[in-house]
Full PDB file with SEQRES, HELIX, SHEET, SSBOND, CRYST1, ORIGX, SCALE, CONECT and MASTER records, all heavy atoms in Angstrom:
SEQRES   1 A   43  VAL VAL ASP ILE TYR ALA LEU ASP ILE GLY ILE ARG THR          
SEQRES   2 A   43  VAL ALA VAL ARG GLY ASP GLN ILE LEU LEU ASN GLY GLN          
SEQRES   3 A   43  PRO ILE LYS LEU THR GLY PHE GLY LYS HIS GLU ASP PHE          
SEQRES   4 A   43  ALA LEU SER GLY                                              
SHEET    1 AA1 3 VAL A  14  ARG A  17  0                                        
SHEET    2 AA1 3 GLN A  20  LEU A  23 -1                                        
SHEET    3 AA1 3 GLN A  26  PRO A  27 -1                                        
CRYST1    1.000    1.000    1.000  90.00  90.00  90.00 P 1           1          
ORIGX1      1.000000  0.000000  0.000000        0.00000                         
ORIGX2      0.000000  1.000000  0.000000        0.00000                         
ORIGX3      0.000000  0.000000  1.000000        0.00000                         
SCALE1      1.000000  0.000000  0.000000        0.00000                         
SCALE2      0.000000  1.000000  0.000000        0.00000                         
SCALE3      0.000000  0.000000  1.000000        0.00000                         
ATOM      1  N   VAL A   1       0.855  -1.192   0.000  1.00  0.00           N  
ATOM      2  CA  VAL A   1       0.000   0.000   0.000  1.00  0.00           C  
ATOM      3  C   VAL A   1       0.889   1.240   0.000  1.00  0.00           C  
ATOM      4  O   VAL A   1       1.731   1.416   0.886  1.00  0.00           O  
ATOM      5  CB  VAL A   1      -0.935   0.003   1.218  1.00  0.00           C  
ATOM      6  CG1 VAL A   1      -1.710   1.311   1.274  1.00  0.00           C  
ATOM      7  CG2 VAL A   1      -1.885  -1.193   1.176  1.00  0.00           C  
ATOM      8  N   VAL A   2       0.702   2.098  -1.006  1.00  0.00           N  
ATOM      9  CA  VAL A   2       1.514   3.315  -1.103  1.00  0.00           C  
ATOM     10  C   VAL A   2       0.717   4.576  -0.736  1.00  0.00           C  
ATOM     11  O   VAL A   2       1.311   5.606  -0.418  1.00  0.00           O  
ATOM     12  CB  VAL A   2       2.125   3.472  -2.511  1.00  0.00           C  
ATOM     13  CG1 VAL A   2       3.102   2.343  -2.790  1.00  0.00           C  
ATOM     14  CG2 VAL A   2       1.054   3.529  -3.591  1.00  0.00           C  
ATOM     15  N   ASP A   3      -0.622   4.497  -0.786  1.00  0.00           N  
ATOM     16  CA  ASP A   3      -1.413   5.654  -0.387  1.00  0.00           C  
ATOM     17  C   ASP A   3      -2.820   5.193  -0.035  1.00  0.00           C  
ATOM     18  O   ASP A   3      -3.350   4.219  -0.600  1.00  0.00           O  
ATOM     19  CB  ASP A   3      -1.479   6.704  -1.509  1.00  0.00           C  
ATOM     20  CG  ASP A   3      -1.934   8.067  -0.998  1.00  0.00           C  
ATOM     21  OD1 ASP A   3      -1.902   8.283   0.232  1.00  0.00           O  
ATOM     22  OD2 ASP A   3      -2.328   8.905  -1.823  1.00  0.00           O  
ATOM     23  N   ILE A   4      -3.430   5.909   0.913  1.00  0.00           N  
ATOM     24  CA  ILE A   4      -4.814   5.673   1.324  1.00  0.00           C  
ATOM     25  C   ILE A   4      -5.511   7.018   1.427  1.00  0.00           C  
ATOM     26  O   ILE A   4      -4.941   7.979   1.947  1.00  0.00           O  
ATOM     27  CB  ILE A   4      -4.893   4.954   2.682  1.00  0.00           C  
ATOM     28  CG1 ILE A   4      -4.156   3.612   2.650  1.00  0.00           C  
ATOM     29  CG2 ILE A   4      -6.347   4.748   3.105  1.00  0.00           C  
ATOM     30  CD1 ILE A   4      -4.131   2.919   4.000  1.00  0.00           C  
ATOM     31  N   TYR A   5      -6.739   7.075   0.906  1.00  0.00           N  
ATOM     32  CA  TYR A   5      -7.526   8.295   1.070  1.00  0.00           C  
ATOM     33  C   TYR A   5      -8.937   7.900   1.480  1.00  0.00           C  
ATOM     34  O   TYR A   5      -9.517   6.957   0.923  1.00  0.00           O  
ATOM     35  CB  TYR A   5      -7.574   9.115  -0.220  1.00  0.00           C  
ATOM     36  CG  TYR A   5      -8.085  10.527   0.012  1.00  0.00           C  
ATOM     37  CD1 TYR A   5      -7.213  11.552   0.344  1.00  0.00           C  
ATOM     38  CD2 TYR A   5      -9.443  10.815  -0.052  1.00  0.00           C  
ATOM     39  CE1 TYR A   5      -7.664  12.838   0.592  1.00  0.00           C  
ATOM     40  CE2 TYR A   5      -9.912  12.104   0.195  1.00  0.00           C  
ATOM     41  CZ  TYR A   5      -9.016  13.102   0.519  1.00  0.00           C  
ATOM     42  OH  TYR A   5      -9.466  14.374   0.773  1.00  0.00           O  
ATOM     43  N   ALA A   6      -9.496   8.610   2.459  1.00  0.00           N  
ATOM     44  CA  ALA A   6     -10.848   8.321   2.934  1.00  0.00           C  
ATOM     45  C   ALA A   6     -11.674   9.594   2.938  1.00  0.00           C  
ATOM     46  O   ALA A   6     -11.160  10.684   3.210  1.00  0.00           O  
ATOM     47  CB  ALA A   6     -10.800   7.720   4.337  1.00  0.00           C  
ATOM     48  N   LEU A   7     -12.951   9.450   2.615  1.00  0.00           N  
ATOM     49  CA  LEU A   7     -13.867  10.585   2.706  1.00  0.00           C  
ATOM     50  C   LEU A   7     -15.260  10.079   3.015  1.00  0.00           C  
ATOM     51  O   LEU A   7     -15.604   8.922   2.724  1.00  0.00           O  
ATOM     52  CB  LEU A   7     -13.873  11.425   1.424  1.00  0.00           C  
ATOM     53  CG  LEU A   7     -14.546  10.863   0.174  1.00  0.00           C  
ATOM     54  CD1 LEU A   7     -14.917  12.015  -0.757  1.00  0.00           C  
ATOM     55  CD2 LEU A   7     -13.636   9.902  -0.564  1.00  0.00           C  
ATOM     56  N   ASP A   8     -16.066  10.957   3.622  1.00  0.00           N  
ATOM     57  CA  ASP A   8     -17.450  10.621   3.945  1.00  0.00           C  
ATOM     58  C   ASP A   8     -18.335  11.016   2.770  1.00  0.00           C  
ATOM     59  O   ASP A   8     -18.224  12.139   2.248  1.00  0.00           O  
ATOM     60  CB  ASP A   8     -17.902  11.356   5.203  1.00  0.00           C  
ATOM     61  CG  ASP A   8     -17.175  10.871   6.439  1.00  0.00           C  
ATOM     62  OD1 ASP A   8     -16.782   9.693   6.456  1.00  0.00           O  
ATOM     63  OD2 ASP A   8     -16.989  11.675   7.372  1.00  0.00           O  
ATOM     64  N   ILE A   9     -19.214  10.122   2.368  1.00  0.00           N  
ATOM     65  CA  ILE A   9     -20.111  10.395   1.247  1.00  0.00           C  
ATOM     66  C   ILE A   9     -21.548  10.122   1.673  1.00  0.00           C  
ATOM     67  O   ILE A   9     -21.811   9.342   2.584  1.00  0.00           O  
ATOM     68  CB  ILE A   9     -19.759   9.549   0.008  1.00  0.00           C  
ATOM     69  CG1 ILE A   9     -20.023   8.064   0.264  1.00  0.00           C  
ATOM     70  CG2 ILE A   9     -18.309   9.769  -0.409  1.00  0.00           C  
ATOM     71  CD1 ILE A   9     -20.032   7.219  -0.980  1.00  0.00           C  
ATOM     72  N   GLY A  10     -22.473  10.775   0.992  1.00  0.00           N  
ATOM     73  CA  GLY A  10     -23.887  10.500   1.184  1.00  0.00           C  
ATOM     74  C   GLY A  10     -24.457   9.927  -0.101  1.00  0.00           C  
ATOM     75  O   GLY A  10     -24.136  10.398  -1.192  1.00  0.00           O  
ATOM     76  N   ILE A  11     -25.291   8.921   0.023  1.00  0.00           N  
ATOM     77  CA  ILE A  11     -25.963   8.343  -1.143  1.00  0.00           C  
ATOM     78  C   ILE A  11     -27.292   9.066  -1.315  1.00  0.00           C  
ATOM     79  O   ILE A  11     -28.178   8.980  -0.448  1.00  0.00           O  
ATOM     80  CB  ILE A  11     -26.167   6.829  -0.966  1.00  0.00           C  
ATOM     81  CG1 ILE A  11     -24.813   6.133  -0.848  1.00  0.00           C  
ATOM     82  CG2 ILE A  11     -26.970   6.250  -2.134  1.00  0.00           C  
ATOM     83  CD1 ILE A  11     -24.903   4.634  -0.563  1.00  0.00           C  
ATOM     84  N   ARG A  12     -27.401   9.809  -2.389  1.00  0.00           N  
ATOM     85  CA  ARG A  12     -28.627  10.566  -2.646  1.00  0.00           C  
ATOM     86  C   ARG A  12     -28.661  11.012  -4.098  1.00  0.00           C  
ATOM     87  O   ARG A  12     -27.640  11.030  -4.787  1.00  0.00           O  
ATOM     88  CB  ARG A  12     -28.745  11.755  -1.696  1.00  0.00           C  
ATOM     89  CG  ARG A  12     -27.643  12.805  -1.857  1.00  0.00           C  
ATOM     90  CD  ARG A  12     -28.171  13.983  -2.626  1.00  0.00           C  
ATOM     91  NE  ARG A  12     -27.162  15.013  -2.835  1.00  0.00           N  
ATOM     92  CZ  ARG A  12     -26.425  15.093  -3.930  1.00  0.00           C  
ATOM     93  NH1 ARG A  12     -26.535  14.182  -4.880  1.00  0.00           N  
ATOM     94  NH2 ARG A  12     -25.553  16.077  -4.087  1.00  0.00           N  
ATOM     95  N   THR A  13     -29.833  11.386  -4.574  1.00  0.00           N  
ATOM     96  CA  THR A  13     -29.985  11.935  -5.920  1.00  0.00           C  
ATOM     97  C   THR A  13     -30.721  13.258  -5.842  1.00  0.00           C  
ATOM     98  O   THR A  13     -31.528  13.492  -4.933  1.00  0.00           O  
ATOM     99  CB  THR A  13     -30.763  10.982  -6.846  1.00  0.00           C  
ATOM    100  OG1 THR A  13     -32.077  10.758  -6.305  1.00  0.00           O  
ATOM    101  CG2 THR A  13     -30.044   9.650  -7.004  1.00  0.00           C  
ATOM    102  N   VAL A  14     -30.426  14.132  -6.789  1.00  0.00           N  
ATOM    103  CA  VAL A  14     -31.123  15.415  -6.936  1.00  0.00           C  
ATOM    104  C   VAL A  14     -31.564  15.527  -8.383  1.00  0.00           C  
ATOM    105  O   VAL A  14     -30.779  15.240  -9.301  1.00  0.00           O  
ATOM    106  CB  VAL A  14     -30.213  16.608  -6.575  1.00  0.00           C  
ATOM    107  CG1 VAL A  14     -30.977  17.924  -6.731  1.00  0.00           C  
ATOM    108  CG2 VAL A  14     -29.682  16.475  -5.161  1.00  0.00           C  
ATOM    109  N   ALA A  15     -32.795  15.944  -8.594  1.00  0.00           N  
ATOM    110  CA  ALA A  15     -33.306  16.069  -9.959  1.00  0.00           C  
ATOM    111  C   ALA A  15     -34.395  17.131  -9.992  1.00  0.00           C  
ATOM    112  O   ALA A  15     -34.937  17.529  -8.950  1.00  0.00           O  
ATOM    113  CB  ALA A  15     -33.852  14.739 -10.466  1.00  0.00           C  
ATOM    114  N   VAL A  16     -34.701  17.601 -11.192  1.00  0.00           N  
ATOM    115  CA  VAL A  16     -35.812  18.520 -11.425  1.00  0.00           C  
ATOM    116  C   VAL A  16     -36.810  17.817 -12.330  1.00  0.00           C  
ATOM    117  O   VAL A  16     -36.445  17.283 -13.385  1.00  0.00           O  
ATOM    118  CB  VAL A  16     -35.333  19.827 -12.067  1.00  0.00           C  
ATOM    119  CG1 VAL A  16     -36.527  20.684 -12.494  1.00  0.00           C  
ATOM    120  CG2 VAL A  16     -34.453  20.606 -11.101  1.00  0.00           C  
ATOM    121  N   ARG A  17     -38.063  17.798 -11.910  1.00  0.00           N  
ATOM    122  CA  ARG A  17     -39.133  17.229 -12.727  1.00  0.00           C  
ATOM    123  C   ARG A  17     -40.299  18.199 -12.734  1.00  0.00           C  
ATOM    124  O   ARG A  17     -40.884  18.488 -11.692  1.00  0.00           O  
ATOM    125  CB  ARG A  17     -39.586  15.877 -12.172  1.00  0.00           C  
ATOM    126  CG  ARG A  17     -40.669  15.186 -13.035  1.00  0.00           C  
ATOM    127  CD  ARG A  17     -41.040  13.844 -12.448  1.00  0.00           C  
ATOM    128  NE  ARG A  17     -41.668  14.027 -11.133  1.00  0.00           N  
ATOM    129  CZ  ARG A  17     -41.796  13.045 -10.232  1.00  0.00           C  
ATOM    130  NH1 ARG A  17     -41.312  11.846 -10.500  1.00  0.00           N  
ATOM    131  NH2 ARG A  17     -42.383  13.288  -9.076  1.00  0.00           N  
ATOM    132  N   GLY A  18     -40.584  18.759 -13.920  1.00  0.00           N  
ATOM    133  CA  GLY A  18     -41.636  19.760 -13.996  1.00  0.00           C  
ATOM    134  C   GLY A  18     -41.292  20.959 -13.146  1.00  0.00           C  
ATOM    135  O   GLY A  18     -40.221  21.561 -13.306  1.00  0.00           O  
ATOM    136  N   ASP A  19     -42.183  21.298 -12.226  1.00  0.00           N  
ATOM    137  CA  ASP A  19     -41.910  22.445 -11.347  1.00  0.00           C  
ATOM    138  C   ASP A  19     -41.557  22.002  -9.928  1.00  0.00           C  
ATOM    139  O   ASP A  19     -41.799  22.708  -8.959  1.00  0.00           O  
ATOM    140  CB  ASP A  19     -43.101  23.416 -11.327  1.00  0.00           C  
ATOM    141  CG  ASP A  19     -44.423  22.737 -10.980  1.00  0.00           C  
ATOM    142  OD1 ASP A  19     -44.387  21.647 -10.369  1.00  0.00           O  
ATOM    143  OD2 ASP A  19     -45.481  23.288 -11.318  1.00  0.00           O  
ATOM    144  N   GLN A  20     -40.943  20.818  -9.821  1.00  0.00           N  
ATOM    145  CA  GLN A  20     -40.527  20.312  -8.518  1.00  0.00           C  
ATOM    146  C   GLN A  20     -39.042  19.983  -8.502  1.00  0.00           C  
ATOM    147  O   GLN A  20     -38.472  19.562  -9.516  1.00  0.00           O  
ATOM    148  CB  GLN A  20     -41.314  19.044  -8.150  1.00  0.00           C  
ATOM    149  CG  GLN A  20     -42.801  19.261  -7.945  1.00  0.00           C  
ATOM    150  CD  GLN A  20     -43.511  17.964  -7.600  1.00  0.00           C  
ATOM    151  OE1 GLN A  20     -43.197  16.909  -8.151  1.00  0.00           O  
ATOM    152  NE2 GLN A  20     -44.466  18.045  -6.684  1.00  0.00           N  
ATOM    153  N   ILE A  21     -38.414  20.193  -7.338  1.00  0.00           N  
ATOM    154  CA  ILE A  21     -37.073  19.682  -7.078  1.00  0.00           C  
ATOM    155  C   ILE A  21     -37.230  18.386  -6.299  1.00  0.00           C  
ATOM    156  O   ILE A  21     -37.966  18.332  -5.300  1.00  0.00           O  
ATOM    157  CB  ILE A  21     -36.239  20.692  -6.274  1.00  0.00           C  
ATOM    158  CG1 ILE A  21     -36.075  21.994  -7.066  1.00  0.00           C  
ATOM    159  CG2 ILE A  21     -34.871  20.116  -5.939  1.00  0.00           C  
ATOM    160  CD1 ILE A  21     -35.389  23.095  -6.276  1.00  0.00           C  
ATOM    161  N   LEU A  22     -36.559  17.332  -6.767  1.00  0.00           N  
ATOM    162  CA  LEU A  22     -36.682  16.022  -6.144  1.00  0.00           C  
ATOM    163  C   LEU A  22     -35.378  15.649  -5.450  1.00  0.00           C  
ATOM    164  O   LEU A  22     -34.304  15.721  -6.042  1.00  0.00           O  
ATOM    165  CB  LEU A  22     -37.010  14.958  -7.189  1.00  0.00           C  
ATOM    166  CG  LEU A  22     -38.233  15.201  -8.082  1.00  0.00           C  
ATOM    167  CD1 LEU A  22     -38.411  14.041  -9.051  1.00  0.00           C  
ATOM    168  CD2 LEU A  22     -39.498  15.388  -7.242  1.00  0.00           C  
ATOM    169  N   LEU A  23     -35.487  15.264  -4.191  1.00  0.00           N  
ATOM    170  CA  LEU A  23     -34.369  14.691  -3.447  1.00  0.00           C  
ATOM    171  C   LEU A  23     -34.704  13.228  -3.199  1.00  0.00           C  
ATOM    172  O   LEU A  23     -35.731  12.919  -2.583  1.00  0.00           O  
ATOM    173  CB  LEU A  23     -34.162  15.431  -2.120  1.00  0.00           C  
ATOM    174  CG  LEU A  23     -33.009  14.930  -1.254  1.00  0.00           C  
ATOM    175  CD1 LEU A  23     -31.667  15.222  -1.910  1.00  0.00           C  
ATOM    176  CD2 LEU A  23     -33.065  15.533   0.144  1.00  0.00           C  
ATOM    177  N   ASN A  24     -33.877  12.336  -3.730  1.00  0.00           N  
ATOM    178  CA  ASN A  24     -34.137  10.900  -3.637  1.00  0.00           C  
ATOM    179  C   ASN A  24     -35.507  10.538  -4.219  1.00  0.00           C  
ATOM    180  O   ASN A  24     -36.219   9.661  -3.716  1.00  0.00           O  
ATOM    181  CB  ASN A  24     -34.029  10.413  -2.190  1.00  0.00           C  
ATOM    182  CG  ASN A  24     -32.672  10.689  -1.590  1.00  0.00           C  
ATOM    183  OD1 ASN A  24     -31.657  10.673  -2.288  1.00  0.00           O  
ATOM    184  ND2 ASN A  24     -32.632  10.970  -0.293  1.00  0.00           N  
ATOM    185  N   GLY A  25     -35.866  11.252  -5.282  1.00  0.00           N  
ATOM    186  CA  GLY A  25     -37.114  10.974  -5.984  1.00  0.00           C  
ATOM    187  C   GLY A  25     -38.345  11.599  -5.374  1.00  0.00           C  
ATOM    188  O   GLY A  25     -39.447  11.467  -5.931  1.00  0.00           O  
ATOM    189  N   GLN A  26     -38.222  12.313  -4.259  1.00  0.00           N  
ATOM    190  CA  GLN A  26     -39.361  12.905  -3.571  1.00  0.00           C  
ATOM    191  C   GLN A  26     -39.275  14.429  -3.607  1.00  0.00           C  
ATOM    192  O   GLN A  26     -38.189  14.995  -3.445  1.00  0.00           O  
ATOM    193  CB  GLN A  26     -39.418  12.436  -2.118  1.00  0.00           C  
ATOM    194  CG  GLN A  26     -39.555  10.925  -1.961  1.00  0.00           C  
ATOM    195  CD  GLN A  26     -40.818  10.393  -2.602  1.00  0.00           C  
ATOM    196  OE1 GLN A  26     -41.907  10.957  -2.420  1.00  0.00           O  
ATOM    197  NE2 GLN A  26     -40.685   9.306  -3.365  1.00  0.00           N  
ATOM    198  N   PRO A  27     -40.423  15.116  -3.803  1.00  0.00           N  
ATOM    199  CA  PRO A  27     -40.393  16.590  -3.838  1.00  0.00           C  
ATOM    200  C   PRO A  27     -39.905  17.157  -2.510  1.00  0.00           C  
ATOM    201  O   PRO A  27     -40.211  16.637  -1.437  1.00  0.00           O  
ATOM    202  CB  PRO A  27     -41.857  16.971  -4.090  1.00  0.00           C  
ATOM    203  CG  PRO A  27     -42.490  15.746  -4.656  1.00  0.00           C  
ATOM    204  CD  PRO A  27     -41.776  14.579  -4.039  1.00  0.00           C  
ATOM    205  N   ILE A  28     -39.128  18.233  -2.623  1.00  0.00           N  
ATOM    206  CA  ILE A  28     -38.638  18.907  -1.426  1.00  0.00           C  
ATOM    207  C   ILE A  28     -38.765  20.407  -1.621  1.00  0.00           C  
ATOM    208  O   ILE A  28     -38.611  20.919  -2.733  1.00  0.00           O  
ATOM    209  CB  ILE A  28     -37.172  18.519  -1.122  1.00  0.00           C  
ATOM    210  CG1 ILE A  28     -36.762  19.057   0.254  1.00  0.00           C  
ATOM    211  CG2 ILE A  28     -36.224  18.998  -2.206  1.00  0.00           C  
ATOM    212  CD1 ILE A  28     -35.480  18.446   0.789  1.00  0.00           C  
ATOM    213  N   LYS A  29     -39.085  21.109  -0.545  1.00  0.00           N  
ATOM    214  CA  LYS A  29     -39.162  22.562  -0.566  1.00  0.00           C  
ATOM    215  C   LYS A  29     -38.099  23.117   0.383  1.00  0.00           C  
ATOM    216  O   LYS A  29     -37.959  22.640   1.520  1.00  0.00           O  
ATOM    217  CB  LYS A  29     -40.554  23.058  -0.167  1.00  0.00           C  
ATOM    218  CG  LYS A  29     -41.636  22.713  -1.204  1.00  0.00           C  
ATOM    219  CD  LYS A  29     -42.944  23.344  -0.864  1.00  0.00           C  
ATOM    220  CE  LYS A  29     -44.029  22.967  -1.878  1.00  0.00           C  
ATOM    221  NZ  LYS A  29     -43.798  23.580  -3.197  1.00  0.00           N  
ATOM    222  N   LEU A  30     -37.365  24.110  -0.091  1.00  0.00           N  
ATOM    223  CA  LEU A  30     -36.282  24.679   0.689  1.00  0.00           C  
ATOM    224  C   LEU A  30     -36.808  25.775   1.605  1.00  0.00           C  
ATOM    225  O   LEU A  30     -37.524  26.685   1.166  1.00  0.00           O  
ATOM    226  CB  LEU A  30     -35.201  25.256  -0.229  1.00  0.00           C  
ATOM    227  CG  LEU A  30     -34.612  24.318  -1.285  1.00  0.00           C  
ATOM    228  CD1 LEU A  30     -33.434  24.985  -1.984  1.00  0.00           C  
ATOM    229  CD2 LEU A  30     -34.187  22.990  -0.688  1.00  0.00           C  
ATOM    230  N   THR A  31     -36.447  25.696   2.864  1.00  0.00           N  
ATOM    231  CA  THR A  31     -36.704  26.774   3.820  1.00  0.00           C  
ATOM    232  C   THR A  31     -35.355  27.198   4.393  1.00  0.00           C  
ATOM    233  O   THR A  31     -34.560  26.348   4.793  1.00  0.00           O  
ATOM    234  CB  THR A  31     -37.618  26.302   4.960  1.00  0.00           C  
ATOM    235  OG1 THR A  31     -37.010  25.191   5.632  1.00  0.00           O  
ATOM    236  CG2 THR A  31     -38.979  25.879   4.431  1.00  0.00           C  
ATOM    237  N   GLY A  32     -35.095  28.489   4.380  1.00  0.00           N  
ATOM    238  CA  GLY A  32     -33.798  28.912   4.903  1.00  0.00           C  
ATOM    239  C   GLY A  32     -33.464  30.335   4.563  1.00  0.00           C  
ATOM    240  O   GLY A  32     -34.340  31.206   4.536  1.00  0.00           O  
ATOM    241  N   PHE A  33     -32.179  30.551   4.230  1.00  0.00           N  
ATOM    242  CA  PHE A  33     -31.658  31.907   4.199  1.00  0.00           C  
ATOM    243  C   PHE A  33     -30.590  32.088   3.127  1.00  0.00           C  
ATOM    244  O   PHE A  33     -29.948  31.130   2.691  1.00  0.00           O  
ATOM    245  CB  PHE A  33     -31.010  32.255   5.547  1.00  0.00           C  
ATOM    246  CG  PHE A  33     -31.939  32.198   6.712  1.00  0.00           C  
ATOM    247  CD1 PHE A  33     -32.087  31.034   7.439  1.00  0.00           C  
ATOM    248  CD2 PHE A  33     -32.688  33.310   7.061  1.00  0.00           C  
ATOM    249  CE1 PHE A  33     -32.941  30.972   8.517  1.00  0.00           C  
ATOM    250  CE2 PHE A  33     -33.558  33.263   8.140  1.00  0.00           C  
ATOM    251  CZ  PHE A  33     -33.695  32.086   8.872  1.00  0.00           C  
ATOM    252  N   GLY A  34     -30.361  33.326   2.769  1.00  0.00           N  
ATOM    253  CA  GLY A  34     -29.083  33.769   2.273  1.00  0.00           C  
ATOM    254  C   GLY A  34     -28.249  34.198   3.468  1.00  0.00           C  
ATOM    255  O   GLY A  34     -28.774  34.686   4.472  1.00  0.00           O  
ATOM    256  N   LYS A  35     -26.923  33.996   3.360  1.00  0.00           N  
ATOM    257  CA  LYS A  35     -26.043  34.280   4.498  1.00  0.00           C  
ATOM    258  C   LYS A  35     -24.851  35.102   4.037  1.00  0.00           C  
ATOM    259  O   LYS A  35     -24.658  35.324   2.853  1.00  0.00           O  
ATOM    260  CB  LYS A  35     -25.502  32.981   5.116  1.00  0.00           C  
ATOM    261  CG  LYS A  35     -26.521  32.153   5.884  1.00  0.00           C  
ATOM    262  CD  LYS A  35     -25.857  30.898   6.457  1.00  0.00           C  
ATOM    263  CE  LYS A  35     -25.343  31.113   7.864  1.00  0.00           C  
ATOM    264  NZ  LYS A  35     -24.163  31.937   8.016  1.00  0.00           N  
ATOM    265  N   HIS A  36     -24.052  35.493   4.994  1.00  0.00           N  
ATOM    266  CA  HIS A  36     -22.716  36.018   4.719  1.00  0.00           C  
ATOM    267  C   HIS A  36     -21.746  35.443   5.731  1.00  0.00           C  
ATOM    268  O   HIS A  36     -22.112  35.128   6.869  1.00  0.00           O  
ATOM    269  CB  HIS A  36     -22.676  37.547   4.784  1.00  0.00           C  
ATOM    270  CG  HIS A  36     -22.914  38.206   3.471  1.00  0.00           C  
ATOM    271  ND1 HIS A  36     -22.070  38.047   2.394  1.00  0.00           N  
ATOM    272  CD2 HIS A  36     -23.920  39.011   3.038  1.00  0.00           C  
ATOM    273  CE1 HIS A  36     -22.532  38.734   1.365  1.00  0.00           C  
ATOM    274  NE2 HIS A  36     -23.653  39.315   1.727  1.00  0.00           N  
ATOM    275  N   GLU A  37     -20.510  35.293   5.277  1.00  0.00           N  
ATOM    276  CA  GLU A  37     -19.420  34.907   6.167  1.00  0.00           C  
ATOM    277  C   GLU A  37     -18.859  36.209   6.723  1.00  0.00           C  
ATOM    278  O   GLU A  37     -18.018  36.855   6.113  1.00  0.00           O  
ATOM    279  CB  GLU A  37     -18.372  34.124   5.370  1.00  0.00           C  
ATOM    280  CG  GLU A  37     -17.454  33.291   6.223  1.00  0.00           C  
ATOM    281  CD  GLU A  37     -16.472  32.495   5.383  1.00  0.00           C  
ATOM    282  OE1 GLU A  37     -16.526  32.577   4.141  1.00  0.00           O  
ATOM    283  OE2 GLU A  37     -15.642  31.805   5.983  1.00  0.00           O  
ATOM    284  N   ASP A  38     -19.352  36.604   7.898  1.00  0.00           N  
ATOM    285  CA  ASP A  38     -19.097  37.954   8.394  1.00  0.00           C  
ATOM    286  C   ASP A  38     -19.248  37.945   9.912  1.00  0.00           C  
ATOM    287  O   ASP A  38     -20.278  37.518  10.440  1.00  0.00           O  
ATOM    288  CB  ASP A  38     -20.121  38.920   7.761  1.00  0.00           C  
ATOM    289  CG  ASP A  38     -20.130  40.283   8.413  1.00  0.00           C  
ATOM    290  OD1 ASP A  38     -20.806  40.446   9.449  1.00  0.00           O  
ATOM    291  OD2 ASP A  38     -19.486  41.194   7.872  1.00  0.00           O  
ATOM    292  N   PHE A  39     -18.195  38.406  10.595  1.00  0.00           N  
ATOM    293  CA  PHE A  39     -18.306  38.532  12.038  1.00  0.00           C  
ATOM    294  C   PHE A  39     -17.286  39.558  12.508  1.00  0.00           C  
ATOM    295  O   PHE A  39     -16.263  39.785  11.858  1.00  0.00           O  
ATOM    296  CB  PHE A  39     -18.060  37.188  12.735  1.00  0.00           C  
ATOM    297  CG  PHE A  39     -18.715  37.097  14.086  1.00  0.00           C  
ATOM    298  CD1 PHE A  39     -20.089  37.004  14.201  1.00  0.00           C  
ATOM    299  CD2 PHE A  39     -17.966  37.116  15.249  1.00  0.00           C  
ATOM    300  CE1 PHE A  39     -20.704  36.918  15.449  1.00  0.00           C  
ATOM    301  CE2 PHE A  39     -18.551  37.041  16.497  1.00  0.00           C  
ATOM    302  CZ  PHE A  39     -19.938  36.937  16.597  1.00  0.00           C  
ATOM    303  N   ALA A  40     -17.573  40.174  13.662  1.00  0.00           N  
ATOM    304  CA  ALA A  40     -16.692  41.203  14.202  1.00  0.00           C  
ATOM    305  C   ALA A  40     -15.289  40.654  14.430  1.00  0.00           C  
ATOM    306  O   ALA A  40     -15.110  39.515  14.856  1.00  0.00           O  
ATOM    307  CB  ALA A  40     -17.263  41.740  15.508  1.00  0.00           C  
ATOM    308  N   LEU A  41     -14.286  41.452  14.117  1.00  0.00           N  
ATOM    309  CA  LEU A  41     -12.859  41.191  14.278  1.00  0.00           C  
ATOM    310  C   LEU A  41     -12.328  40.186  13.266  1.00  0.00           C  
ATOM    311  O   LEU A  41     -11.332  40.457  12.598  1.00  0.00           O  
ATOM    312  CB  LEU A  41     -12.529  40.725  15.703  1.00  0.00           C  
ATOM    313  CG  LEU A  41     -12.800  41.738  16.811  1.00  0.00           C  
ATOM    314  CD1 LEU A  41     -12.353  41.184  18.157  1.00  0.00           C  
ATOM    315  CD2 LEU A  41     -12.114  43.059  16.534  1.00  0.00           C  
ATOM    316  N   SER A  42     -12.948  39.030  13.113  1.00  0.00           N  
ATOM    317  CA  SER A  42     -12.427  38.061  12.148  1.00  0.00           C  
ATOM    318  C   SER A  42     -12.848  38.381  10.723  1.00  0.00           C  
ATOM    319  O   SER A  42     -12.273  37.849   9.774  1.00  0.00           O  
ATOM    320  CB  SER A  42     -12.874  36.642  12.513  1.00  0.00           C  
ATOM    321  OG  SER A  42     -14.284  36.556  12.572  1.00  0.00           O  
ATOM    322  N   GLY A  43     -13.860  39.260  10.545  1.00  0.00           N  
ATOM    323  CA  GLY A  43     -14.288  39.639   9.201  1.00  0.00           C  
ATOM    324  C   GLY A  43     -14.813  38.443   8.441  1.00  0.00           C  
ATOM    325  O   GLY A  43     -15.759  37.777   8.871  1.00  0.00           O  
TER     326      GLY A  43                                                      
MASTER        0    0    0    0    3    0    0    6  325    1    0    4          
END                                                                             
């Protein structure tokens, strides 16, 4: 063995069908925000 690499993965699919976004084949609606990477002193 000369090299090893490991990473965490998720098994899932994303698709668009008509006017729906599908996650794992099921419609999903997003609730949330726009954000900024912004804080006092650290900028």
